[in-house]
Amino acid sequence: MKMMVVTMSDSMREEYNRRLLTTLATKESVERNVAESGGNIVGSVLLYHSTSSASERVVRYPGWAELRLLAVLPSTRGHGVGALLETGMYTTRSN
């Protein structure tokens, strides 16, 4: 698969910002996990459960749990922070 980076148009950016704000404003049935190093947050991720009414409003595939807003501090990228957050979400759900 060939991939490329493009700059978002203004309309795409507005829609993206709207979706970010909707995602962040949702409080029910959302797990927010962070990665921490030396007392500082270096990454975060949100998990929307498949059974939440919040997921039905904001996830792409209702009925499926969805990871959203996986973010890693630029200075810590390439050190497995994103993988740790993703794996942690699956581990949390299976316990």
N, C-alpha and C. Protein backbone atom coordinates (compact mmCIF):
# COMPACT_ATOMS: atom_id res chain seq x y z
N MET A 1 0.84 -1.16 0.00
CA MET A 1 0.00 0.00 0.00
C MET A 1 0.89 1.23 0.00
N LYS A 2 0.63 2.12 -0.93
CA LYS A 2 1.38 3.37 -1.01
C LYS A 2 0.68 4.41 -0.15
N MET A 3 1.44 5.07 0.70
CA MET A 3 0.88 6.11 1.56
C MET A 3 1.63 7.40 1.31
N MET A 4 0.94 8.51 1.57
CA MET A 4 1.60 9.81 1.43
C MET A 4 1.03 10.78 2.45
N VAL A 5 1.76 11.79 2.74
CA VAL A 5 1.35 12.82 3.68
C VAL A 5 0.84 14.01 2.89
N VAL A 6 -0.32 14.51 3.29
CA VAL A 6 -0.90 15.69 2.65
C VAL A 6 -1.30 16.69 3.72
N THR A 7 -1.36 17.93 3.35
CA THR A 7 -1.81 18.97 4.26
C THR A 7 -3.33 19.01 4.25
N MET A 8 -3.94 19.08 5.45
CA MET A 8 -5.40 19.12 5.54
C MET A 8 -5.93 20.45 5.00
N SER A 9 -7.02 20.35 4.28
CA SER A 9 -7.70 21.57 3.83
C SER A 9 -8.39 22.20 5.04
N ASP A 10 -8.81 23.44 4.91
CA ASP A 10 -9.50 24.12 6.01
C ASP A 10 -10.76 23.37 6.43
N SER A 11 -11.52 22.87 5.47
CA SER A 11 -12.76 22.16 5.80
C SER A 11 -12.45 20.84 6.51
N MET A 12 -11.40 20.15 6.09
CA MET A 12 -10.99 18.91 6.76
C MET A 12 -10.53 19.22 8.18
N ARG A 13 -9.78 20.29 8.35
CA ARG A 13 -9.28 20.67 9.68
C ARG A 13 -10.44 21.02 10.60
N GLU A 14 -11.44 21.73 10.10
CA GLU A 14 -12.61 22.08 10.91
C GLU A 14 -13.36 20.82 11.35
N GLU A 15 -13.56 19.87 10.44
CA GLU A 15 -14.24 18.62 10.78
C GLU A 15 -13.41 17.82 11.78
N TYR A 16 -12.11 17.76 11.59
CA TYR A 16 -11.22 17.05 12.51
C TYR A 16 -11.29 17.68 13.90
N ASN A 17 -11.24 19.00 13.97
CA ASN A 17 -11.34 19.70 15.26
C ASN A 17 -12.68 19.43 15.92
N ARG A 18 -13.75 19.42 15.15
CA ARG A 18 -15.08 19.14 15.69
C ARG A 18 -15.12 17.75 16.30
N ARG A 19 -14.57 16.78 15.58
CA ARG A 19 -14.56 15.40 16.08
C ARG A 19 -13.68 15.26 17.33
N LEU A 20 -12.55 15.94 17.36
CA LEU A 20 -11.70 15.92 18.55
C LEU A 20 -12.44 16.46 19.76
N LEU A 21 -13.11 17.59 19.59
CA LEU A 21 -13.85 18.19 20.70
C LEU A 21 -14.99 17.29 21.16
N THR A 22 -15.68 16.65 20.23
CA THR A 22 -16.74 15.72 20.59
C THR A 22 -16.18 14.54 21.37
N THR A 23 -15.08 14.01 20.90
CA THR A 23 -14.44 12.88 21.57
C THR A 23 -14.01 13.25 22.98
N LEU A 24 -13.36 14.38 23.13
CA LEU A 24 -12.86 14.79 24.44
C LEU A 24 -13.99 15.16 25.41
N ALA A 25 -15.12 15.63 24.89
CA ALA A 25 -16.23 16.04 25.74
C ALA A 25 -17.04 14.86 26.27
N THR A 26 -16.92 13.70 25.65
CA THR A 26 -17.67 12.52 26.06
C THR A 26 -17.08 11.99 27.36
N LYS A 27 -17.94 11.77 28.36
CA LYS A 27 -17.46 11.35 29.66
C LYS A 27 -17.85 9.92 30.03
N GLU A 28 -18.88 9.37 29.43
CA GLU A 28 -19.35 8.06 29.87
C GLU A 28 -18.63 6.91 29.16
N SER A 29 -18.34 5.88 29.93
CA SER A 29 -17.75 4.64 29.41
C SER A 29 -16.52 4.86 28.53
N VAL A 30 -15.69 5.79 28.91
CA VAL A 30 -14.45 6.04 28.19
C VAL A 30 -13.30 5.87 29.17
N GLU A 31 -12.34 5.04 28.79
CA GLU A 31 -11.14 4.90 29.62
C GLU A 31 -10.07 5.81 29.05
N ARG A 32 -9.47 6.59 29.91
CA ARG A 32 -8.37 7.46 29.52
C ARG A 32 -7.13 6.96 30.22
N ASN A 33 -6.17 6.47 29.46
CA ASN A 33 -4.90 5.98 30.02
C ASN A 33 -3.77 6.87 29.56
N VAL A 34 -2.77 7.03 30.44
CA VAL A 34 -1.60 7.83 30.10
C VAL A 34 -0.35 7.02 30.36
N ALA A 35 0.70 7.35 29.63
CA ALA A 35 2.04 6.82 29.88
C ALA A 35 2.82 7.91 30.59
N GLU A 36 3.57 7.51 31.60
CA GLU A 36 4.27 8.49 32.41
C GLU A 36 5.74 8.09 32.51
N SER A 37 6.60 9.07 32.48
CA SER A 37 8.03 8.85 32.62
C SER A 37 8.61 9.99 33.44
N GLY A 38 9.24 9.67 34.54
CA GLY A 38 9.85 10.69 35.37
C GLY A 38 8.87 11.71 35.91
N GLY A 39 7.62 11.27 36.14
CA GLY A 39 6.60 12.18 36.66
C GLY A 39 5.91 13.03 35.61
N ASN A 40 6.25 12.84 34.34
CA ASN A 40 5.65 13.61 33.25
C ASN A 40 4.82 12.69 32.35
N ILE A 41 3.69 13.20 31.88
CA ILE A 41 2.88 12.44 30.93
C ILE A 41 3.57 12.52 29.57
N VAL A 42 3.84 11.35 28.98
CA VAL A 42 4.52 11.31 27.69
C VAL A 42 3.64 10.72 26.59
N GLY A 43 2.43 10.27 26.95
CA GLY A 43 1.51 9.74 25.96
C GLY A 43 0.15 9.49 26.56
N SER A 44 -0.85 9.36 25.71
CA SER A 44 -2.20 9.08 26.18
C SER A 44 -3.02 8.40 25.10
N VAL A 45 -4.10 7.74 25.52
CA VAL A 45 -5.01 7.08 24.59
C VAL A 45 -6.37 6.98 25.25
N LEU A 46 -7.43 6.99 24.43
CA LEU A 46 -8.80 6.82 24.91
C LEU A 46 -9.35 5.51 24.36
N LEU A 47 -10.14 4.79 25.18
CA LEU A 47 -10.82 3.59 24.74
C LEU A 47 -12.32 3.80 24.93
N TYR A 48 -13.05 3.70 23.84
CA TYR A 48 -14.51 3.77 23.87
C TYR A 48 -15.03 2.34 23.83
N HIS A 49 -15.81 1.97 24.85
CA HIS A 49 -16.35 0.61 24.94
C HIS A 49 -17.47 0.41 23.94
N SER A 50 -17.59 -0.80 23.45
CA SER A 50 -18.62 -1.10 22.45
C SER A 50 -20.02 -1.02 23.02
N THR A 51 -20.16 -1.11 24.33
CA THR A 51 -21.49 -1.12 24.94
C THR A 51 -21.95 0.25 25.40
N SER A 52 -21.14 1.27 25.22
CA SER A 52 -21.51 2.59 25.72
C SER A 52 -22.33 3.36 24.69
N SER A 53 -23.25 4.18 25.19
CA SER A 53 -23.99 5.05 24.27
C SER A 53 -23.05 6.08 23.68
N ALA A 54 -21.96 6.40 24.42
CA ALA A 54 -20.95 7.33 23.89
C ALA A 54 -20.33 6.76 22.63
N SER A 55 -20.06 5.45 22.63
CA SER A 55 -19.43 4.85 21.45
C SER A 55 -20.34 4.93 20.24
N GLU A 56 -21.64 4.79 20.46
CA GLU A 56 -22.56 4.83 19.33
C GLU A 56 -22.62 6.21 18.70
N ARG A 57 -22.29 7.24 19.46
CA ARG A 57 -22.31 8.59 18.93
C ARG A 57 -21.02 8.96 18.21
N VAL A 58 -19.90 8.39 18.64
CA VAL A 58 -18.64 8.90 18.11
C VAL A 58 -17.73 7.88 17.44
N VAL A 59 -17.98 6.59 17.57
CA VAL A 59 -17.09 5.64 16.91
C VAL A 59 -17.55 5.37 15.49
N ARG A 60 -16.63 4.92 14.69
CA ARG A 60 -16.93 4.67 13.28
C ARG A 60 -17.79 3.41 13.10
N TYR A 61 -17.56 2.38 13.93
CA TYR A 61 -18.28 1.12 13.80
C TYR A 61 -19.01 0.80 15.11
N PRO A 62 -20.26 1.25 15.28
CA PRO A 62 -21.01 0.96 16.50
C PRO A 62 -21.01 -0.54 16.80
N GLY A 63 -20.86 -0.88 18.06
CA GLY A 63 -20.79 -2.28 18.46
C GLY A 63 -19.37 -2.77 18.64
N TRP A 64 -18.40 -1.99 18.20
CA TRP A 64 -16.99 -2.34 18.34
C TRP A 64 -16.33 -1.34 19.29
N ALA A 65 -15.47 -1.83 20.16
CA ALA A 65 -14.67 -0.91 20.98
C ALA A 65 -13.66 -0.23 20.06
N GLU A 66 -13.25 0.97 20.43
CA GLU A 66 -12.35 1.72 19.56
C GLU A 66 -11.34 2.52 20.36
N LEU A 67 -10.06 2.39 19.98
CA LEU A 67 -9.01 3.24 20.53
C LEU A 67 -9.03 4.55 19.76
N ARG A 68 -8.90 5.66 20.49
CA ARG A 68 -8.88 6.97 19.83
C ARG A 68 -7.85 7.86 20.48
N LEU A 69 -7.41 8.82 19.71
CA LEU A 69 -6.51 9.87 20.18
C LEU A 69 -5.26 9.32 20.85
N LEU A 70 -4.64 8.35 20.21
CA LEU A 70 -3.34 7.87 20.68
C LEU A 70 -2.32 8.96 20.36
N ALA A 71 -1.70 9.49 21.39
CA ALA A 71 -0.75 10.59 21.20
C ALA A 71 0.49 10.33 22.04
N VAL A 72 1.64 10.65 21.48
CA VAL A 72 2.92 10.46 22.16
C VAL A 72 3.73 11.74 22.02
N LEU A 73 4.34 12.15 23.12
CA LEU A 73 5.19 13.32 23.12
C LEU A 73 6.29 13.14 22.07
N PRO A 74 6.49 14.10 21.18
CA PRO A 74 7.47 13.93 20.11
C PRO A 74 8.86 13.50 20.58
N SER A 75 9.31 14.00 21.70
CA SER A 75 10.66 13.66 22.17
C SER A 75 10.77 12.21 22.66
N THR A 76 9.64 11.52 22.85
CA THR A 76 9.69 10.13 23.30
C THR A 76 9.26 9.14 22.22
N ARG A 77 9.00 9.63 21.03
CA ARG A 77 8.61 8.74 19.93
C ARG A 77 9.77 7.82 19.58
N GLY A 78 9.40 6.60 19.16
CA GLY A 78 10.42 5.62 18.79
C GLY A 78 10.92 4.81 19.98
N HIS A 79 10.31 4.99 21.15
CA HIS A 79 10.74 4.27 22.35
C HIS A 79 9.65 3.32 22.86
N GLY A 80 8.65 3.05 22.06
CA GLY A 80 7.62 2.08 22.42
C GLY A 80 6.48 2.60 23.28
N VAL A 81 6.37 3.93 23.43
CA VAL A 81 5.31 4.49 24.26
C VAL A 81 3.94 4.18 23.67
N GLY A 82 3.77 4.38 22.37
CA GLY A 82 2.49 4.10 21.72
C GLY A 82 2.12 2.63 21.83
N ALA A 83 3.08 1.75 21.62
CA ALA A 83 2.83 0.31 21.74
C ALA A 83 2.46 -0.05 23.17
N LEU A 84 3.12 0.55 24.14
CA LEU A 84 2.81 0.32 25.54
C LEU A 84 1.37 0.74 25.86
N LEU A 85 0.97 1.91 25.37
CA LEU A 85 -0.40 2.37 25.59
C LEU A 85 -1.41 1.44 24.95
N GLU A 86 -1.16 1.03 23.73
CA GLU A 86 -2.08 0.15 23.03
C GLU A 86 -2.17 -1.20 23.73
N THR A 87 -1.05 -1.78 24.05
CA THR A 87 -1.02 -3.07 24.74
C THR A 87 -1.68 -2.95 26.11
N GLY A 88 -1.44 -1.85 26.79
CA GLY A 88 -2.04 -1.64 28.10
C GLY A 88 -3.55 -1.59 28.04
N MET A 89 -4.11 -1.04 26.99
CA MET A 89 -5.56 -0.98 26.85
C MET A 89 -6.12 -2.38 26.68
N TYR A 90 -5.46 -3.21 25.89
CA TYR A 90 -5.94 -4.58 25.70
C TYR A 90 -5.78 -5.39 26.98
N THR A 91 -4.67 -5.21 27.68
CA THR A 91 -4.44 -5.91 28.93
C THR A 91 -5.48 -5.50 29.96
N THR A 92 -5.77 -4.21 30.06
CA THR A 92 -6.76 -3.71 31.00
C THR A 92 -8.12 -4.34 30.72
N ARG A 93 -8.48 -4.44 29.45
CA ARG A 93 -9.80 -4.97 29.09
C ARG A 93 -9.90 -6.46 29.34
N SER A 94 -8.80 -7.20 29.26
CA SER A 94 -8.87 -8.65 29.41
C SER A 94 -8.82 -9.09 30.88
N ASN A 95 -8.47 -8.19 31.79
CA ASN A 95 -8.42 -8.54 33.22
C ASN A 95 -9.75 -8.36 33.89
